[in-house]
């Protein structure tokens, strides 16, 4: 059986538990704390020390996480016991995506030739929202090679409205007419 390479399964399980117990926000906050904790290199080095007893690791986690949803703390202990606490950031991101989807929010990766101003972000978000029939939050990136326009990816859907793509299409048409 293949090993879990990402936090997707853990996030799915956490989301289902949170939904069942109506603890969506407390889980989100707990997973965020876990993700932030993994950024503490000193603490992570201590936790990865095989000579440190599990009781001491539990105490370090409890101190590092502070007030946290008890089932989320149990997940942190489980991840630590399996040597997978470093997945906490991925789990938190995956959980947030599941929570957003549950709330009718889609995420779109938008690549534009220049940085988007707020008005452009809102217009693109609104238009993409009409296409997918959900509210869309944009993660904008810049790639000058697309010349103009934008490329948007929402899940498996790709919308290429770039000038580069239009020029490539025009080039193909001219070659076909010529040939």
Foldseek 3Di string as FASTA:
>chain_A
DDDDPALQVVLVVLLVVCVVVVNLPLLLLQLVLLQVLLVPPVLLVVLPPPVDDLVVNLVSLCVSRPDGDVVSSVVCSVCSVVVNSNNSNRSSVSNVCVVCVVVQEWEKEKEFQDDDDPVRQVVVQVVVCVVVVGRYDYDYDHDNVLVGDMWMDTPPDIDDPGVNVVVVVVVVVVVVVVD
